[in-house]
Amino acid sequence: YSTPYNGSDHVIVGNGSRLSISRMGHTTLSSPHGTLDLHDVLVVPDIKKNLIFVSKLTSHNSCIFEFCYSAFKIKDRMMGQILATGHRQGGLYALDPGGAVEAVEALSAIKSGKAPMDRWHQRLGHPNSRLFRILDSKQIIDVSSWFK
């Protein structure tokens, strides 16, 4: 779920730009082995990448992160099961698309649907049109004008 953000804070990115926050909420990242809760999710329409703070994720979930030079794993703290994986892309570690983390669940807090298709395409890891149709059927985004 998410609610409109009425605060005065902004997200400041590397070049010093201040980006407006439009919504704030809660969502989950689901895997076959469990669910990771994301609290205080900020929706920033002008940001290029979806970012997750490791410290926030580990403080709200019983999980650990294992990093190496080119990849990482998120594991359940008690059982050691892998909940999600990712790889280094440039200077950032990105969750693997289509792997353990379900993109539809991750977007449940971002119900604005106002971003253009190319921005959603980038945010979701460059999926095919089938995923956009699923998101549209769940009323997460509106793609009625995209596929004509």
Protein backbone atom coordinates (compact mmCIF):
# COMPACT_ATOMS: atom_id res chain seq x y z
CA TYR A 1 0.00 0.00 0.00
CA SER A 2 1.09 3.61 -0.37
CA THR A 3 -0.19 7.06 0.50
CA PRO A 4 0.58 10.50 -0.94
CA TYR A 5 3.71 12.04 0.56
CA ASN A 6 3.09 15.51 1.97
CA GLY A 7 6.47 16.10 3.62
CA SER A 8 9.13 18.56 2.56
CA ASP A 9 12.00 16.05 2.16
CA HIS A 10 13.62 15.27 -1.18
CA VAL A 11 15.97 12.54 -2.40
CA ILE A 12 19.35 14.03 -3.28
CA VAL A 13 21.25 12.15 -5.98
CA GLY A 14 24.95 12.09 -6.89
CA ASN A 15 24.91 15.23 -9.04
CA GLY A 16 23.25 17.23 -6.23
CA SER A 17 19.78 17.28 -7.80
CA ARG A 18 16.85 17.23 -5.39
CA LEU A 19 14.13 14.83 -6.53
CA SER A 20 10.57 15.10 -5.24
CA ILE A 21 8.92 12.25 -3.33
CA SER A 22 5.34 11.59 -4.49
CA ARG A 23 4.27 8.66 -2.30
CA MET A 24 5.37 6.63 0.71
CA GLY A 25 4.33 3.13 1.64
CA HIS A 26 5.04 -0.51 2.33
CA THR A 27 5.54 -3.43 -0.03
CA THR A 28 6.98 -6.91 -0.08
CA LEU A 29 9.47 -8.81 -2.19
CA SER A 30 8.31 -12.42 -2.52
CA SER A 31 10.35 -15.51 -3.21
CA PRO A 32 9.58 -19.24 -3.14
CA HIS A 33 11.24 -19.34 0.31
CA GLY A 34 9.62 -16.35 2.00
CA THR A 35 8.75 -12.70 1.91
CA LEU A 36 10.90 -9.64 2.57
CA ASP A 37 9.10 -6.60 3.94
CA LEU A 38 10.05 -3.15 2.68
CA HIS A 39 8.97 -0.35 5.03
CA ASP A 40 8.98 3.39 4.31
CA VAL A 41 9.22 2.89 0.54
CA LEU A 42 9.60 6.25 -1.18
CA VAL A 43 8.18 6.70 -4.68
CA VAL A 44 10.36 9.18 -6.59
CA PRO A 45 9.03 9.45 -10.18
CA ASP A 46 12.20 11.07 -11.59
CA ILE A 47 14.68 8.54 -10.23
CA LYS A 48 16.34 6.26 -12.78
CA LYS A 49 16.79 3.15 -10.58
CA ASN A 50 14.85 1.56 -7.74
CA LEU A 51 17.13 1.59 -4.69
CA ILE A 52 16.93 -0.56 -1.56
CA PHE A 53 18.82 0.32 1.62
CA VAL A 54 20.46 -2.83 2.94
CA SER A 55 20.32 -1.53 6.53
CA LYS A 56 16.54 -0.97 6.33
CA LEU A 57 15.91 -4.35 4.73
CA THR A 58 17.96 -6.23 7.34
CA SER A 59 16.44 -4.30 10.27
CA HIS A 60 12.89 -5.30 9.26
CA ASN A 61 13.60 -8.86 8.11
CA SER A 62 15.48 -11.86 9.43
CA CYS A 63 17.93 -11.89 6.54
CA ILE A 64 21.58 -11.43 5.75
CA PHE A 65 23.37 -10.14 2.66
CA GLU A 66 26.47 -11.80 1.27
CA PHE A 67 28.45 -9.64 -1.15
CA CYS A 68 31.37 -10.51 -3.39
CA TYR A 69 32.94 -8.53 -6.21
CA SER A 70 30.38 -9.38 -8.89
CA ALA A 71 27.27 -10.68 -7.11
CA PHE A 72 25.26 -10.90 -3.90
CA LYS A 73 22.78 -13.16 -2.15
CA ILE A 74 20.01 -12.37 0.31
CA LYS A 75 19.62 -15.30 2.71
CA ASP A 76 17.20 -16.20 5.47
CA ARG A 77 19.14 -15.68 8.72
CA MET A 78 17.81 -18.82 10.45
CA MET A 79 17.66 -21.39 7.64
CA GLY A 80 20.32 -20.03 5.28
CA GLN A 81 18.00 -20.40 2.28
CA ILE A 82 18.64 -18.02 -0.61
CA LEU A 83 15.74 -15.58 -0.89
CA ALA A 84 17.09 -13.51 -3.78
CA THR A 85 20.24 -12.98 -5.81
CA GLY A 86 21.74 -10.15 -7.77
CA HIS A 87 24.75 -9.05 -9.76
CA ARG A 88 26.92 -5.97 -9.93
CA GLN A 89 26.03 -3.63 -12.78
CA GLY A 90 28.34 -0.67 -12.97
CA GLY A 91 28.72 0.64 -9.44
CA LEU A 92 25.43 -0.81 -8.15
CA TYR A 93 24.25 -4.27 -7.16
CA ALA A 94 20.99 -5.08 -8.95
CA LEU A 95 18.45 -7.76 -8.05
CA ASP A 96 18.29 -10.44 -10.72
CA PRO A 97 15.15 -10.00 -12.87
CA GLY A 98 12.78 -12.93 -13.08
CA GLY A 99 14.62 -14.80 -10.32
CA ALA A 100 13.51 -15.21 -6.74
CA VAL A 101 12.00 -11.75 -6.42
CA GLU A 102 8.54 -11.28 -7.95
CA ALA A 103 8.36 -7.91 -9.73
CA VAL A 104 4.56 -7.70 -9.50
CA GLU A 105 4.70 -7.89 -5.69
CA ALA A 106 7.52 -5.35 -5.54
CA LEU A 107 5.43 -2.79 -7.37
CA SER A 108 2.32 -3.02 -5.22
CA ALA A 109 3.23 0.20 -3.39
CA ILE A 110 3.88 2.10 -6.61
CA LYS A 111 0.32 2.33 -7.83
CA SER A 112 0.64 5.66 -9.61
CA GLY A 113 0.96 4.29 -13.16
CA LYS A 114 1.84 7.78 -14.40
CA ALA A 115 5.38 7.03 -15.56
CA PRO A 116 5.87 6.52 -19.31
CA MET A 117 6.41 3.03 -20.69
CA ASP A 118 10.18 3.42 -21.12
CA ARG A 119 10.62 4.32 -17.44
CA TRP A 120 8.58 1.27 -16.30
CA HIS A 121 10.55 -0.87 -18.77
CA GLN A 122 13.83 0.26 -17.15
CA ARG A 123 12.58 -0.04 -13.56
CA LEU A 124 11.44 -3.62 -14.10
CA GLY A 125 14.69 -4.83 -15.67
CA HIS A 126 13.61 -4.62 -19.33
CA PRO A 127 10.79 -7.21 -19.32
CA ASN A 128 8.66 -8.17 -22.32
CA SER A 129 5.15 -6.83 -22.91
CA ARG A 130 3.55 -9.80 -21.08
CA LEU A 131 4.64 -8.44 -17.68
CA PHE A 132 3.16 -5.02 -18.49
CA ARG A 133 -0.16 -6.68 -19.33
CA ILE A 134 -0.09 -8.53 -15.97
CA LEU A 135 0.58 -5.26 -14.10
CA ASP A 136 -2.25 -3.64 -16.04
CA SER A 137 -4.67 -6.48 -15.19
CA LYS A 138 -3.86 -6.00 -11.49
CA GLN A 139 -4.46 -2.24 -11.91
CA ILE A 140 -0.90 -1.42 -10.83
CA ILE A 141 -0.17 0.56 -14.00
CA ASP A 142 -2.29 1.64 -16.97
CA VAL A 143 -0.93 0.45 -20.30
CA SER A 144 -4.05 0.97 -22.43
CA SER A 145 -2.33 3.54 -24.67
CA TRP A 146 1.01 1.71 -24.92
CA PHE A 147 0.11 -1.28 -27.12
CA LYS A 148 -1.95 0.06 -30.02
